[in-house]
């Protein structure tokens, strides 16, 4: 589980990505899909196909900060 304190956008270059947010809602993205990730919400992602998931990710982050917080 992880979350992003700043906006993150993704474009799926290959594969199929399944994202589950806290509370159980699940979204599925395939090659060619564009997504806006949830902000400040715990979630997890996994590859649900036979093809490697490759993403082009765009972060809008304050300089010097990270955009990923991992639940420990």
PDB file of N, CA and C in Angstrom:
ATOM      1  N   UNK A   1       0.848  -1.178   0.000  1.00  0.00           N
ATOM      2  CA  UNK A   1       0.000   0.000   0.000  1.00  0.00           C
ATOM      3  C   UNK A   1       0.890   1.237   0.000  1.00  0.00           C
ATOM      4  N   UNK A   2       0.449   2.226  -0.744  1.00  0.00           N
ATOM      5  CA  UNK A   2       1.164   3.501  -0.801  1.00  0.00           C
ATOM      6  C   UNK A   2       0.169   4.601  -1.145  1.00  0.00           C
ATOM      7  N   UNK A   3       0.614   5.842  -1.008  1.00  0.00           N
ATOM      8  CA  UNK A   3      -0.211   6.980  -1.410  1.00  0.00           C
ATOM      9  C   UNK A   3       0.687   8.082  -1.942  1.00  0.00           C
ATOM     10  N   UNK A   4       0.067   9.024  -2.627  1.00  0.00           N
ATOM     11  CA  UNK A   4       0.783  10.137  -3.243  1.00  0.00           C
ATOM     12  C   UNK A   4       0.246  11.456  -2.677  1.00  0.00           C
ATOM     13  N   UNK A   5       1.127  12.289  -2.081  1.00  0.00           N
ATOM     14  CA  UNK A   5       0.666  13.566  -1.536  1.00  0.00           C
ATOM     15  C   UNK A   5       0.485  14.647  -2.613  1.00  0.00           C
ATOM     16  N   UNK A   6       0.962  14.381  -3.822  1.00  0.00           N
ATOM     17  CA  UNK A   6       0.856  15.339  -4.924  1.00  0.00           C
ATOM     18  C   UNK A   6       0.254  14.634  -6.134  1.00  0.00           C
ATOM     19  N   UNK A   7      -0.295  15.377  -7.084  1.00  0.00           N
ATOM     20  CA  UNK A   7      -0.887  14.760  -8.276  1.00  0.00           C
ATOM     21  C   UNK A   7       0.108  13.913  -9.058  1.00  0.00           C
ATOM     22  N   UNK A   8      -0.387  12.792  -9.541  1.00  0.00           N
ATOM     23  CA  UNK A   8       0.400  11.879 -10.386  1.00  0.00           C
ATOM     24  C   UNK A   8      -0.522  11.393 -11.504  1.00  0.00           C
ATOM     25  N   UNK A   9       0.011  11.417 -12.699  1.00  0.00           N
ATOM     26  CA  UNK A   9      -0.729  10.973 -13.879  1.00  0.00           C
ATOM     27  C   UNK A   9       0.055   9.847 -14.533  1.00  0.00           C
ATOM     28  N   UNK A  10      -0.641   8.937 -15.163  1.00  0.00           N
ATOM     29  CA  UNK A  10       0.041   7.833 -15.812  1.00  0.00           C
ATOM     30  C   UNK A  10      -0.582   7.492 -17.154  1.00  0.00           C
ATOM     31  N   UNK A  11       0.268   7.073 -18.060  1.00  0.00           N
ATOM     32  CA  UNK A  11      -0.157   6.573 -19.358  1.00  0.00           C
ATOM     33  C   UNK A  11       0.379   5.148 -19.467  1.00  0.00           C
ATOM     34  N   UNK A  12      -0.505   4.190 -19.708  1.00  0.00           N
ATOM     35  CA  UNK A  12      -0.101   2.782 -19.768  1.00  0.00           C
ATOM     36  C   UNK A  12       0.470   2.494 -21.149  1.00  0.00           C
ATOM     37  N   UNK A  13       1.772   2.192 -21.179  1.00  0.00           N
ATOM     38  CA  UNK A  13       2.457   1.873 -22.427  1.00  0.00           C
ATOM     39  C   UNK A  13       2.246   0.413 -22.824  1.00  0.00           C
ATOM     40  N   UNK A  14       2.202  -0.490 -21.823  1.00  0.00           N
ATOM     41  CA  UNK A  14       1.967  -1.904 -22.102  1.00  0.00           C
ATOM     42  C   UNK A  14       1.431  -2.586 -20.856  1.00  0.00           C
ATOM     43  N   UNK A  15       0.766  -3.714 -21.068  1.00  0.00           N
ATOM     44  CA  UNK A  15       0.248  -4.513 -19.968  1.00  0.00           C
ATOM     45  C   UNK A  15      -1.102  -4.040 -19.469  1.00  0.00           C
ATOM     46  N   UNK A  16      -1.543  -4.695 -18.395  1.00  0.00           N
ATOM     47  CA  UNK A  16      -2.814  -4.353 -17.744  1.00  0.00           C
ATOM     48  C   UNK A  16      -2.555  -4.169 -16.258  1.00  0.00           C
ATOM     49  N   UNK A  17      -2.903  -3.006 -15.747  1.00  0.00           N
ATOM     50  CA  UNK A  17      -2.668  -2.633 -14.357  1.00  0.00           C
ATOM     51  C   UNK A  17      -3.993  -2.577 -13.619  1.00  0.00           C
ATOM     52  N   UNK A  18      -4.047  -3.235 -12.468  1.00  0.00           N
ATOM     53  CA  UNK A  18      -5.223  -3.170 -11.618  1.00  0.00           C
ATOM     54  C   UNK A  18      -4.859  -2.381 -10.364  1.00  0.00           C
ATOM     55  N   UNK A  19      -5.617  -1.343 -10.067  1.00  0.00           N
ATOM     56  CA  UNK A  19      -5.383  -0.491  -8.901  1.00  0.00           C
ATOM     57  C   UNK A  19      -6.563  -0.638  -7.951  1.00  0.00           C
ATOM     58  N   UNK A  20      -6.270  -0.959  -6.690  1.00  0.00           N
ATOM     59  CA  UNK A  20      -7.306  -1.080  -5.668  1.00  0.00           C
ATOM     60  C   UNK A  20      -7.060  -0.005  -4.620  1.00  0.00           C
ATOM     61  N   UNK A  21      -8.087   0.811  -4.371  1.00  0.00           N
ATOM     62  CA  UNK A  21      -7.973   1.890  -3.388  1.00  0.00           C
ATOM     63  C   UNK A  21      -8.542   1.425  -2.051  1.00  0.00           C
ATOM     64  N   UNK A  22      -8.113   2.106  -0.985  1.00  0.00           N
ATOM     65  CA  UNK A  22      -8.607   1.812   0.353  1.00  0.00           C
ATOM     66  C   UNK A  22     -10.136   1.815   0.314  1.00  0.00           C
ATOM     67  N   UNK A  23     -10.745   0.775   0.853  1.00  0.00           N
ATOM     68  CA  UNK A  23     -12.192   0.640   0.798  1.00  0.00           C
ATOM     69  C   UNK A  23     -12.629  -0.405  -0.213  1.00  0.00           C
ATOM     70  N   UNK A  24     -11.694  -0.828  -1.089  1.00  0.00           N
ATOM     71  CA  UNK A  24     -11.979  -1.945  -1.962  1.00  0.00           C
ATOM     72  C   UNK A  24     -12.336  -1.656  -3.408  1.00  0.00           C
ATOM     73  N   UNK A  25     -12.547  -0.407  -3.791  1.00  0.00           N
ATOM     74  CA  UNK A  25     -12.870  -0.098  -5.198  1.00  0.00           C
ATOM     75  C   UNK A  25     -11.662  -0.414  -6.070  1.00  0.00           C
ATOM     76  N   UNK A  26     -11.896  -1.086  -7.196  1.00  0.00           N
ATOM     77  CA  UNK A  26     -10.824  -1.508  -8.089  1.00  0.00           C
ATOM     78  C   UNK A  26     -11.019  -0.914  -9.477  1.00  0.00           C
ATOM     79  N   UNK A  27      -9.909  -0.491 -10.070  1.00  0.00           N
ATOM     80  CA  UNK A  27      -9.898   0.073 -11.418  1.00  0.00           C
ATOM     81  C   UNK A  27      -8.906  -0.723 -12.251  1.00  0.00           C
ATOM     82  N   UNK A  28      -9.206  -0.893 -13.522  1.00  0.00           N
ATOM     83  CA  UNK A  28      -8.303  -1.631 -14.414  1.00  0.00           C
ATOM     84  C   UNK A  28      -7.951  -0.746 -15.604  1.00  0.00           C
ATOM     85  N   UNK A  29      -6.638  -0.683 -15.902  1.00  0.00           N
ATOM     86  CA  UNK A  29      -6.121   0.137 -16.992  1.00  0.00           C
ATOM     87  C   UNK A  29      -5.295  -0.737 -17.922  1.00  0.00           C
ATOM     88  N   UNK A  30      -5.462  -0.535 -19.218  1.00  0.00           N
ATOM     89  CA  UNK A  30      -4.728  -1.309 -20.218  1.00  0.00           C
ATOM     90  C   UNK A  30      -3.917  -0.371 -21.093  1.00  0.00           C
ATOM     91  N   UNK A  31      -3.058  -0.951 -21.922  1.00  0.00           N
ATOM     92  CA  UNK A  31      -2.223  -0.153 -22.824  1.00  0.00           C
ATOM     93  C   UNK A  31      -3.081   0.855 -23.583  1.00  0.00           C
ATOM     94  N   UNK A  32      -2.620   2.111 -23.579  1.00  0.00           N
ATOM     95  CA  UNK A  32      -3.336   3.191 -24.244  1.00  0.00           C
ATOM     96  C   UNK A  32      -4.213   4.013 -23.320  1.00  0.00           C
ATOM     97  N   UNK A  33      -4.428   3.544 -22.088  1.00  0.00           N
ATOM     98  CA  UNK A  33      -5.257   4.286 -21.128  1.00  0.00           C
ATOM     99  C   UNK A  33      -4.425   5.347 -20.410  1.00  0.00           C
ATOM    100  N   UNK A  34      -5.071   6.458 -20.082  1.00  0.00           N
ATOM    101  CA  UNK A  34      -4.484   7.538 -19.299  1.00  0.00           C
ATOM    102  C   UNK A  34      -5.210   7.565 -17.973  1.00  0.00           C
ATOM    103  N   UNK A  35      -4.477   7.783 -16.874  1.00  0.00           N
ATOM    104  CA  UNK A  35      -5.119   7.811 -15.557  1.00  0.00           C
ATOM    105  C   UNK A  35      -4.600   8.960 -14.708  1.00  0.00           C
ATOM    106  N   UNK A  36      -5.450   9.451 -13.850  1.00  0.00           N
ATOM    107  CA  UNK A  36      -5.061  10.395 -12.806  1.00  0.00           C
ATOM    108  C   UNK A  36      -5.136   9.606 -11.504  1.00  0.00           C
ATOM    109  N   UNK A  37      -3.999   9.410 -10.845  1.00  0.00           N
ATOM    110  CA  UNK A  37      -3.993   8.627  -9.611  1.00  0.00           C
ATOM    111  C   UNK A  37      -4.648   9.407  -8.471  1.00  0.00           C
ATOM    112  N   UNK A  38      -5.145   8.658  -7.488  1.00  0.00           N
ATOM    113  CA  UNK A  38      -5.763   9.277  -6.316  1.00  0.00           C
ATOM    114  C   UNK A  38      -4.689   9.969  -5.483  1.00  0.00           C
ATOM    115  N   UNK A  39      -5.051  11.065  -4.862  1.00  0.00           N
ATOM    116  CA  UNK A  39      -4.135  11.838  -4.019  1.00  0.00           C
ATOM    117  C   UNK A  39      -4.505  11.606  -2.556  1.00  0.00           C
ATOM    118  N   UNK A  40      -3.483  11.345  -1.730  1.00  0.00           N
ATOM    119  CA  UNK A  40      -3.656  11.130  -0.285  1.00  0.00           C
ATOM    120  C   UNK A  40      -4.640  10.016   0.043  1.00  0.00           C
ATOM    121  N   UNK A  41      -4.669   8.988  -0.780  1.00  0.00           N
ATOM    122  CA  UNK A  41      -5.525   7.826  -0.552  1.00  0.00           C
ATOM    123  C   UNK A  41      -4.668   6.575  -0.703  1.00  0.00           C
ATOM    124  N   UNK A  42      -4.719   5.698   0.303  1.00  0.00           N
ATOM    125  CA  UNK A  42      -3.935   4.458   0.235  1.00  0.00           C
ATOM    126  C   UNK A  42      -4.452   3.609  -0.909  1.00  0.00           C
ATOM    127  N   UNK A  43      -3.540   3.037  -1.676  1.00  0.00           N
ATOM    128  CA  UNK A  43      -3.899   2.170  -2.783  1.00  0.00           C
ATOM    129  C   UNK A  43      -2.734   1.252  -3.130  1.00  0.00           C
ATOM    130  N   UNK A  44      -3.037   0.253  -3.939  1.00  0.00           N
ATOM    131  CA  UNK A  44      -2.030  -0.689  -4.400  1.00  0.00           C
ATOM    132  C   UNK A  44      -2.298  -1.020  -5.859  1.00  0.00           C
ATOM    133  N   UNK A  45      -1.246  -1.387  -6.562  1.00  0.00           N
ATOM    134  CA  UNK A  45      -1.400  -1.748  -7.963  1.00  0.00           C
ATOM    135  C   UNK A  45      -0.717  -3.074  -8.254  1.00  0.00           C
ATOM    136  N   UNK A  46      -1.267  -3.807  -9.229  1.00  0.00           N
ATOM    137  CA  UNK A  46      -0.626  -5.070  -9.610  1.00  0.00           C
ATOM    138  C   UNK A  46      -0.869  -5.343 -11.086  1.00  0.00           C
ATOM    139  N   UNK A  47       0.056  -6.091 -11.651  1.00  0.00           N
ATOM    140  CA  UNK A  47      -0.043  -6.536 -13.032  1.00  0.00           C
ATOM    141  C   UNK A  47      -1.014  -7.711 -13.056  1.00  0.00           C
ATOM    142  N   UNK A  48      -2.050  -7.637 -13.900  1.00  0.00           N
ATOM    143  CA  UNK A  48      -3.034  -8.724 -13.948  1.00  0.00           C
ATOM    144  C   UNK A  48      -3.013  -9.457 -15.291  1.00  0.00           C
ATOM    145  N   UNK A  49      -1.939  -9.307 -16.023  1.00  0.00           N
ATOM    146  CA  UNK A  49      -1.838  -9.988 -17.305  1.00  0.00           C
ATOM    147  C   UNK A  49      -0.503 -10.670 -17.473  1.00  0.00           C
ATOM    148  N   UNK A  50      -0.268 -11.154 -18.691  1.00  0.00           N
ATOM    149  CA  UNK A  50       0.980 -11.834 -19.025  1.00  0.00           C
ATOM    150  C   UNK A  50       2.054 -10.879 -19.528  1.00  0.00           C
ATOM    151  N   UNK A  51       1.671  -9.653 -19.861  1.00  0.00           N
ATOM    152  CA  UNK A  51       2.596  -8.662 -20.398  1.00  0.00           C
ATOM    153  C   UNK A  51       3.068  -7.742 -19.281  1.00  0.00           C
ATOM    154  N   UNK A  52       4.347  -7.408 -19.281  1.00  0.00           N
ATOM    155  CA  UNK A  52       4.903  -6.484 -18.296  1.00  0.00           C
ATOM    156  C   UNK A  52       4.189  -5.135 -18.381  1.00  0.00           C
ATOM    157  N   UNK A  53       3.815  -4.597 -17.213  1.00  0.00           N
ATOM    158  CA  UNK A  53       3.212  -3.257 -17.179  1.00  0.00           C
ATOM    159  C   UNK A  53       4.327  -2.231 -17.270  1.00  0.00           C
ATOM    160  N   UNK A  54       4.196  -1.327 -18.231  1.00  0.00           N
ATOM    161  CA  UNK A  54       5.133  -0.206 -18.384  1.00  0.00           C
ATOM    162  C   UNK A  54       4.300   1.066 -18.399  1.00  0.00           C
ATOM    163  N   UNK A  55       4.702   2.028 -17.566  1.00  0.00           N
ATOM    164  CA  UNK A  55       3.966   3.282 -17.430  1.00  0.00           C
ATOM    165  C   UNK A  55       4.854   4.475 -17.751  1.00  0.00           C
ATOM    166  N   UNK A  56       4.257   5.483 -18.337  1.00  0.00           N
ATOM    167  CA  UNK A  56       4.870   6.803 -18.424  1.00  0.00           C
ATOM    168  C   UNK A  56       4.190   7.603 -17.314  1.00  0.00           C
ATOM    169  N   UNK A  57       4.967   8.050 -16.321  1.00  0.00           N
ATOM    170  CA  UNK A  57       4.407   8.721 -15.148  1.00  0.00           C
ATOM    171  C   UNK A  57       4.809  10.188 -15.137  1.00  0.00           C
ATOM    172  N   UNK A  58       3.831  11.040 -14.830  1.00  0.00           N
ATOM    173  CA  UNK A  58       4.068  12.477 -14.705  1.00  0.00           C
ATOM    174  C   UNK A  58       3.683  12.877 -13.285  1.00  0.00           C
ATOM    175  N   UNK A  59       4.656  13.366 -12.519  1.00  0.00           N
ATOM    176  CA  UNK A  59       4.409  13.829 -11.150  1.00  0.00           C
ATOM    177  C   UNK A  59       4.455  15.346 -11.106  1.00  0.00           C
ATOM    178  N   UNK A  60       3.564  15.945 -10.311  1.00  0.00           N
ATOM    179  CA  UNK A  60       3.620  17.373 -10.018  1.00  0.00           C
ATOM    180  C   UNK A  60       4.001  17.492  -8.550  1.00  0.00           C
ATOM    181  N   UNK A  61       5.298  17.646  -8.296  1.00  0.00           N
ATOM    182  CA  UNK A  61       5.821  17.575  -6.938  1.00  0.00           C
ATOM    183  C   UNK A  61       6.605  18.835  -6.605  1.00  0.00           C
ATOM    184  N   UNK A  62       6.461  19.277  -5.365  1.00  0.00           N
ATOM    185  CA  UNK A  62       7.254  20.392  -4.870  1.00  0.00           C
ATOM    186  C   UNK A  62       8.724  19.952  -4.895  1.00  0.00           C
ATOM    187  N   UNK A  63       9.618  20.780  -5.431  1.00  0.00           N
ATOM    188  CA  UNK A  63      11.033  20.399  -5.490  1.00  0.00           C
ATOM    189  C   UNK A  63      11.552  19.941  -4.119  1.00  0.00           C
ATOM    190  N   UNK A  64      12.305  18.832  -4.146  1.00  0.00           N
ATOM    191  CA  UNK A  64      12.896  18.304  -2.922  1.00  0.00           C
ATOM    192  C   UNK A  64      12.002  17.363  -2.137  1.00  0.00           C
ATOM    193  N   UNK A  65      10.788  17.117  -2.626  1.00  0.00           N
ATOM    194  CA  UNK A  65       9.855  16.223  -1.939  1.00  0.00           C
ATOM    195  C   UNK A  65       9.637  14.954  -2.757  1.00  0.00           C
ATOM    196  N   UNK A  66       9.176  13.914  -2.071  1.00  0.00           N
ATOM    197  CA  UNK A  66       8.837  12.648  -2.727  1.00  0.00           C
ATOM    198  C   UNK A  66       7.343  12.608  -2.984  1.00  0.00           C
ATOM    199  N   UNK A  67       6.932  11.871  -4.015  1.00  0.00           N
ATOM    200  CA  UNK A  67       5.506  11.740  -4.282  1.00  0.00           C
ATOM    201  C   UNK A  67       4.980  10.352  -3.940  1.00  0.00           C
ATOM    202  N   UNK A  68       5.757   9.564  -3.218  1.00  0.00           N
ATOM    203  CA  UNK A  68       5.288   8.248  -2.816  1.00  0.00           C
ATOM    204  C   UNK A  68       5.570   8.030  -1.339  1.00  0.00           C
ATOM    205  N   UNK A  69       4.515   7.693  -0.597  1.00  0.00           N
ATOM    206  CA  UNK A  69       4.624   7.342   0.817  1.00  0.00           C
ATOM    207  C   UNK A  69       4.200   5.885   0.927  1.00  0.00           C
ATOM    208  N   UNK A  70       5.097   5.034   1.425  1.00  0.00           N
ATOM    209  CA  UNK A  70       4.824   3.600   1.542  1.00  0.00           C
ATOM    210  C   UNK A  70       4.353   3.304   2.955  1.00  0.00           C
ATOM    211  N   UNK A  71       3.239   2.552   3.074  1.00  0.00           N
ATOM    212  CA  UNK A  71       2.727   2.136   4.383  1.00  0.00           C
ATOM    213  C   UNK A  71       3.658   1.080   4.952  1.00  0.00           C
ATOM    214  N   UNK A  72       4.065   1.246   6.174  1.00  0.00           N
ATOM    215  CA  UNK A  72       4.989   0.308   6.822  1.00  0.00           C
ATOM    216  C   UNK A  72       4.268  -0.513   7.866  1.00  0.00           C
TER     217      UNK A  72
END
